[in-house]
């Protein structure tokens, strides 16, 4: 996703070269607790938009979520290539379904 990598690079640039009145710098300065709170909020807004079947709102909320995920990744030192490597590893697995768990009473 080229657009996500550009978003990540912009957030990384803000970390390296802070800019006054930058929302990205505000989040990075506040740290992981503030950033993850925003990720949670945006995730909830994505769910609500999907339930409402409002694709225009869903796209907007997904973009907000991607932005906050990029900031979280920069803050935590995780690069897009790290996530891509994990996704590649998973795509090479066969039988991705988890085995069905037996109810406790059957154990």
N, C-alpha and C. Protein backbone atom coordinates (compact mmCIF):
# COMPACT_ATOMS: atom_id res chain seq x y z
N UNK A 1 0.83 -1.18 0.00
CA UNK A 1 0.00 0.00 0.00
C UNK A 1 0.87 1.24 0.00
N UNK A 2 1.05 1.78 -1.14
CA UNK A 2 1.93 2.94 -1.30
C UNK A 2 1.48 4.13 -0.46
N UNK A 3 0.18 4.37 -0.43
CA UNK A 3 -0.35 5.51 0.34
C UNK A 3 -0.06 5.35 1.83
N UNK A 4 -0.16 4.12 2.35
CA UNK A 4 0.12 3.90 3.76
C UNK A 4 1.60 4.14 4.05
N UNK A 5 2.46 3.68 3.17
CA UNK A 5 3.89 3.90 3.38
C UNK A 5 4.23 5.39 3.39
N UNK A 6 3.57 6.17 2.53
CA UNK A 6 3.77 7.62 2.53
C UNK A 6 3.29 8.23 3.85
N UNK A 7 2.16 7.74 4.34
CA UNK A 7 1.63 8.20 5.63
C UNK A 7 2.61 7.88 6.75
N UNK A 8 3.14 6.66 6.73
CA UNK A 8 4.12 6.24 7.73
C UNK A 8 5.37 7.13 7.65
N UNK A 9 5.86 7.35 6.43
CA UNK A 9 7.06 8.16 6.25
C UNK A 9 6.83 9.60 6.74
N UNK A 10 5.64 10.14 6.52
CA UNK A 10 5.33 11.49 6.99
C UNK A 10 5.34 11.53 8.51
N UNK A 11 4.78 10.50 9.14
CA UNK A 11 4.78 10.44 10.61
C UNK A 11 6.21 10.28 11.14
N UNK A 12 6.99 9.46 10.46
CA UNK A 12 8.39 9.28 10.85
C UNK A 12 9.17 10.58 10.71
N UNK A 13 8.91 11.31 9.65
CA UNK A 13 9.56 12.61 9.45
C UNK A 13 9.22 13.58 10.58
N UNK A 14 7.98 13.56 11.03
CA UNK A 14 7.57 14.43 12.15
C UNK A 14 8.32 14.06 13.43
N UNK A 15 8.57 12.76 13.61
CA UNK A 15 9.30 12.33 14.80
C UNK A 15 10.74 12.83 14.73
N UNK A 16 11.34 12.73 13.55
CA UNK A 16 12.73 13.14 13.35
C UNK A 16 12.86 14.66 13.35
N UNK A 17 11.92 15.33 12.69
CA UNK A 17 11.94 16.79 12.57
C UNK A 17 10.59 17.35 13.00
N UNK A 18 10.40 17.51 14.31
CA UNK A 18 9.11 18.00 14.79
C UNK A 18 8.72 19.34 14.17
N UNK A 19 7.43 19.53 14.02
CA UNK A 19 6.90 20.76 13.45
C UNK A 19 5.88 21.34 14.43
N UNK A 20 5.98 22.63 14.65
CA UNK A 20 5.08 23.31 15.58
C UNK A 20 3.62 23.14 15.11
N UNK A 21 2.73 22.94 16.07
CA UNK A 21 1.30 22.78 15.83
C UNK A 21 0.96 21.53 15.01
N UNK A 22 1.83 20.53 15.02
CA UNK A 22 1.59 19.28 14.30
C UNK A 22 0.83 18.31 15.20
N UNK A 23 -0.30 17.81 14.69
CA UNK A 23 -1.08 16.83 15.45
C UNK A 23 -0.27 15.55 15.64
N UNK A 24 0.50 15.18 14.64
CA UNK A 24 1.35 13.99 14.75
C UNK A 24 2.35 14.17 15.90
N UNK A 25 2.98 15.32 15.98
CA UNK A 25 3.91 15.57 17.07
C UNK A 25 3.20 15.60 18.42
N UNK A 26 2.00 16.14 18.44
CA UNK A 26 1.21 16.12 19.68
C UNK A 26 1.02 14.68 20.16
N UNK A 27 0.61 13.81 19.24
CA UNK A 27 0.40 12.40 19.61
C UNK A 27 1.70 11.75 20.06
N UNK A 28 2.76 11.96 19.30
CA UNK A 28 4.05 11.35 19.65
C UNK A 28 4.55 11.86 21.00
N UNK A 29 4.34 13.14 21.28
CA UNK A 29 4.75 13.71 22.57
C UNK A 29 3.95 13.11 23.72
N UNK A 30 2.67 12.86 23.49
CA UNK A 30 1.81 12.28 24.54
C UNK A 30 2.13 10.81 24.79
N UNK A 31 2.60 10.11 23.76
CA UNK A 31 3.05 8.73 23.95
C UNK A 31 2.02 7.66 23.65
N UNK A 32 2.42 6.45 23.96
CA UNK A 32 1.67 5.26 23.56
C UNK A 32 0.25 5.23 24.12
N UNK A 33 0.04 5.72 25.33
CA UNK A 33 -1.30 5.68 25.91
C UNK A 33 -2.29 6.54 25.10
N UNK A 34 -1.88 7.73 24.72
CA UNK A 34 -2.75 8.61 23.93
C UNK A 34 -2.94 8.04 22.53
N UNK A 35 -1.86 7.56 21.93
CA UNK A 35 -1.95 7.02 20.57
C UNK A 35 -2.87 5.81 20.54
N UNK A 36 -2.72 4.90 21.48
CA UNK A 36 -3.56 3.70 21.48
C UNK A 36 -5.01 4.04 21.80
N UNK A 37 -5.23 5.07 22.60
CA UNK A 37 -6.60 5.52 22.85
C UNK A 37 -7.24 5.97 21.54
N UNK A 38 -6.50 6.71 20.74
CA UNK A 38 -7.01 7.17 19.44
C UNK A 38 -7.23 5.99 18.49
N UNK A 39 -6.32 5.01 18.50
CA UNK A 39 -6.51 3.81 17.68
C UNK A 39 -7.81 3.10 18.08
N UNK A 40 -8.04 3.00 19.36
CA UNK A 40 -9.28 2.37 19.84
C UNK A 40 -10.52 3.15 19.43
N UNK A 41 -10.47 4.46 19.56
CA UNK A 41 -11.60 5.30 19.16
C UNK A 41 -11.89 5.16 17.68
N UNK A 42 -10.84 5.21 16.87
CA UNK A 42 -11.03 5.11 15.43
C UNK A 42 -11.52 3.71 15.04
N UNK A 43 -11.05 2.69 15.72
CA UNK A 43 -11.52 1.33 15.46
C UNK A 43 -13.02 1.22 15.72
N UNK A 44 -13.46 1.81 16.81
CA UNK A 44 -14.88 1.81 17.14
C UNK A 44 -15.69 2.55 16.08
N UNK A 45 -15.17 3.66 15.61
CA UNK A 45 -15.86 4.43 14.57
C UNK A 45 -15.93 3.64 13.26
N UNK A 46 -14.91 2.84 12.96
CA UNK A 46 -14.93 1.97 11.78
C UNK A 46 -16.06 0.95 11.93
N UNK A 47 -16.16 0.34 13.10
CA UNK A 47 -17.20 -0.65 13.36
C UNK A 47 -18.59 -0.03 13.19
N UNK A 48 -18.78 1.14 13.76
CA UNK A 48 -20.08 1.82 13.68
C UNK A 48 -20.44 2.13 12.23
N UNK A 49 -19.50 2.64 11.47
CA UNK A 49 -19.76 2.96 10.06
C UNK A 49 -20.10 1.70 9.28
N UNK A 50 -19.42 0.60 9.57
CA UNK A 50 -19.71 -0.65 8.87
C UNK A 50 -21.10 -1.17 9.22
N UNK A 51 -21.46 -1.10 10.49
CA UNK A 51 -22.79 -1.55 10.92
C UNK A 51 -23.87 -0.70 10.27
N UNK A 52 -23.61 0.60 10.15
CA UNK A 52 -24.57 1.50 9.50
C UNK A 52 -24.61 1.31 7.99
N UNK A 53 -23.66 0.53 7.47
CA UNK A 53 -23.54 0.30 6.02
C UNK A 53 -23.35 1.61 5.26
N UNK A 54 -22.60 2.50 5.87
CA UNK A 54 -22.31 3.80 5.27
C UNK A 54 -20.87 3.76 4.76
N UNK A 55 -20.71 3.38 3.49
CA UNK A 55 -19.36 3.19 2.96
C UNK A 55 -18.56 4.48 2.86
N UNK A 56 -19.22 5.61 2.62
CA UNK A 56 -18.49 6.87 2.58
C UNK A 56 -17.88 7.17 3.96
N UNK A 57 -18.67 6.99 4.99
CA UNK A 57 -18.18 7.19 6.36
C UNK A 57 -17.13 6.14 6.70
N UNK A 58 -17.35 4.92 6.25
CA UNK A 58 -16.40 3.84 6.51
C UNK A 58 -15.02 4.17 5.93
N UNK A 59 -14.99 4.65 4.70
CA UNK A 59 -13.72 5.02 4.08
C UNK A 59 -13.02 6.10 4.88
N UNK A 60 -13.78 7.11 5.31
CA UNK A 60 -13.20 8.20 6.11
C UNK A 60 -12.63 7.67 7.42
N UNK A 61 -13.40 6.82 8.09
CA UNK A 61 -12.95 6.29 9.39
C UNK A 61 -11.76 5.34 9.22
N UNK A 62 -11.75 4.57 8.14
CA UNK A 62 -10.60 3.70 7.87
C UNK A 62 -9.34 4.53 7.64
N UNK A 63 -9.48 5.63 6.92
CA UNK A 63 -8.33 6.51 6.70
C UNK A 63 -7.82 7.07 8.03
N UNK A 64 -8.74 7.46 8.91
CA UNK A 64 -8.34 7.95 10.24
C UNK A 64 -7.62 6.84 11.02
N UNK A 65 -8.14 5.62 10.93
CA UNK A 65 -7.52 4.50 11.64
C UNK A 65 -6.13 4.21 11.09
N UNK A 66 -5.99 4.20 9.76
CA UNK A 66 -4.68 3.98 9.16
C UNK A 66 -3.68 5.03 9.62
N UNK A 67 -4.12 6.28 9.68
CA UNK A 67 -3.23 7.36 10.14
C UNK A 67 -2.75 7.08 11.57
N UNK A 68 -3.69 6.77 12.45
CA UNK A 68 -3.31 6.55 13.85
C UNK A 68 -2.46 5.28 14.00
N UNK A 69 -2.71 4.27 13.18
CA UNK A 69 -1.86 3.08 13.19
C UNK A 69 -0.44 3.43 12.74
N UNK A 70 -0.31 4.29 11.74
CA UNK A 70 1.02 4.71 11.28
C UNK A 70 1.77 5.43 12.39
N UNK A 71 1.08 6.31 13.10
CA UNK A 71 1.70 7.03 14.22
C UNK A 71 2.11 6.04 15.31
N UNK A 72 1.26 5.07 15.60
CA UNK A 72 1.58 4.05 16.60
C UNK A 72 2.82 3.25 16.17
N UNK A 73 2.87 2.88 14.91
CA UNK A 73 4.03 2.13 14.42
C UNK A 73 5.31 2.93 14.56
N UNK A 74 5.26 4.21 14.20
CA UNK A 74 6.44 5.07 14.35
C UNK A 74 6.84 5.14 15.82
N UNK A 75 5.87 5.36 16.68
CA UNK A 75 6.15 5.47 18.11
C UNK A 75 6.79 4.20 18.67
N UNK A 76 6.35 3.06 18.17
CA UNK A 76 6.81 1.78 18.71
C UNK A 76 8.01 1.20 17.94
N UNK A 77 8.43 1.88 16.87
CA UNK A 77 9.57 1.39 16.11
C UNK A 77 9.25 0.20 15.22
N UNK A 78 8.02 0.12 14.75
CA UNK A 78 7.61 -0.96 13.85
C UNK A 78 7.47 -0.37 12.45
N UNK A 79 8.15 -0.95 11.50
CA UNK A 79 8.12 -0.45 10.12
C UNK A 79 7.07 -1.22 9.30
N UNK A 80 6.55 -0.60 8.25
CA UNK A 80 5.60 -1.30 7.37
C UNK A 80 6.16 -2.63 6.85
N UNK A 81 7.45 -2.69 6.60
CA UNK A 81 8.04 -3.94 6.10
C UNK A 81 7.92 -5.06 7.14
N UNK A 82 7.90 -4.71 8.42
CA UNK A 82 7.73 -5.71 9.48
C UNK A 82 6.34 -6.34 9.39
N UNK A 83 5.34 -5.49 9.19
CA UNK A 83 3.96 -5.98 9.08
C UNK A 83 3.80 -6.76 7.78
N UNK A 84 4.39 -6.25 6.71
CA UNK A 84 4.31 -6.94 5.42
C UNK A 84 4.93 -8.33 5.51
N UNK A 85 6.06 -8.45 6.20
CA UNK A 85 6.70 -9.76 6.37
C UNK A 85 5.80 -10.72 7.12
N UNK A 86 5.12 -10.23 8.14
CA UNK A 86 4.19 -11.08 8.90
C UNK A 86 3.01 -11.50 8.04
N UNK A 87 2.48 -10.56 7.25
CA UNK A 87 1.36 -10.89 6.37
C UNK A 87 1.78 -11.91 5.31
N UNK A 88 2.98 -11.77 4.79
CA UNK A 88 3.50 -12.73 3.83
C UNK A 88 3.65 -14.10 4.46
N UNK A 89 4.19 -14.15 5.66
CA UNK A 89 4.34 -15.41 6.37
C UNK A 89 2.99 -16.08 6.56
N UNK A 90 1.99 -15.30 6.95
CA UNK A 90 0.65 -15.86 7.17
C UNK A 90 0.01 -16.34 5.87
N UNK A 91 0.25 -15.62 4.79
CA UNK A 91 -0.37 -15.99 3.52
C UNK A 91 0.18 -17.31 2.98
N UNK A 92 1.35 -17.68 3.44
CA UNK A 92 1.97 -18.93 2.99
C UNK A 92 1.51 -20.13 3.80
N UNK A 93 0.80 -19.89 4.89
CA UNK A 93 0.28 -20.98 5.71
C UNK A 93 -0.92 -21.61 5.02
N UNK A 94 -1.08 -22.89 5.23
CA UNK A 94 -2.29 -23.56 4.76
C UNK A 94 -3.14 -23.87 5.97
N UNK A 95 -4.44 -23.93 5.75
CA UNK A 95 -5.33 -24.25 6.86
C UNK A 95 -5.31 -23.18 7.93
N UNK A 96 -5.66 -21.96 7.56
CA UNK A 96 -5.59 -20.83 8.49
C UNK A 96 -6.68 -20.85 9.56
N UNK A 97 -7.69 -21.71 9.40
CA UNK A 97 -8.74 -21.74 10.41
C UNK A 97 -8.21 -22.38 11.68
N UNK A 98 -8.55 -21.77 12.80
CA UNK A 98 -8.16 -22.35 14.08
C UNK A 98 -9.07 -23.54 14.35
N UNK A 99 -8.54 -24.56 14.99
CA UNK A 99 -9.39 -25.70 15.30
C UNK A 99 -10.51 -25.29 16.25
N UNK A 100 -11.63 -25.90 16.05
CA UNK A 100 -12.78 -25.57 16.90
C UNK A 100 -12.52 -26.07 18.32
N UNK A 101 -12.81 -25.22 19.27
CA UNK A 101 -12.59 -25.60 20.68
C UNK A 101 -13.77 -26.42 21.17
N UNK A 102 -13.45 -27.39 21.99
CA UNK A 102 -14.52 -28.18 22.60
C UNK A 102 -15.08 -27.42 23.79
N UNK A 103 -16.39 -27.49 23.98
CA UNK A 103 -16.97 -26.86 25.17
C UNK A 103 -16.35 -27.45 26.43
N UNK A 104 -16.28 -26.67 27.47
CA UNK A 104 -15.65 -27.09 28.73
C UNK A 104 -16.27 -28.38 29.25
N UNK A 105 -17.59 -28.52 29.12
CA UNK A 105 -18.25 -29.71 29.65
C UNK A 105 -17.82 -30.98 28.94
N UNK A 106 -17.23 -30.89 27.73
CA UNK A 106 -16.77 -32.06 27.01
C UNK A 106 -15.36 -32.45 27.40
N UNK A 107 -14.66 -31.61 28.10
CA UNK A 107 -13.25 -31.90 28.45
C UNK A 107 -13.15 -32.85 29.60
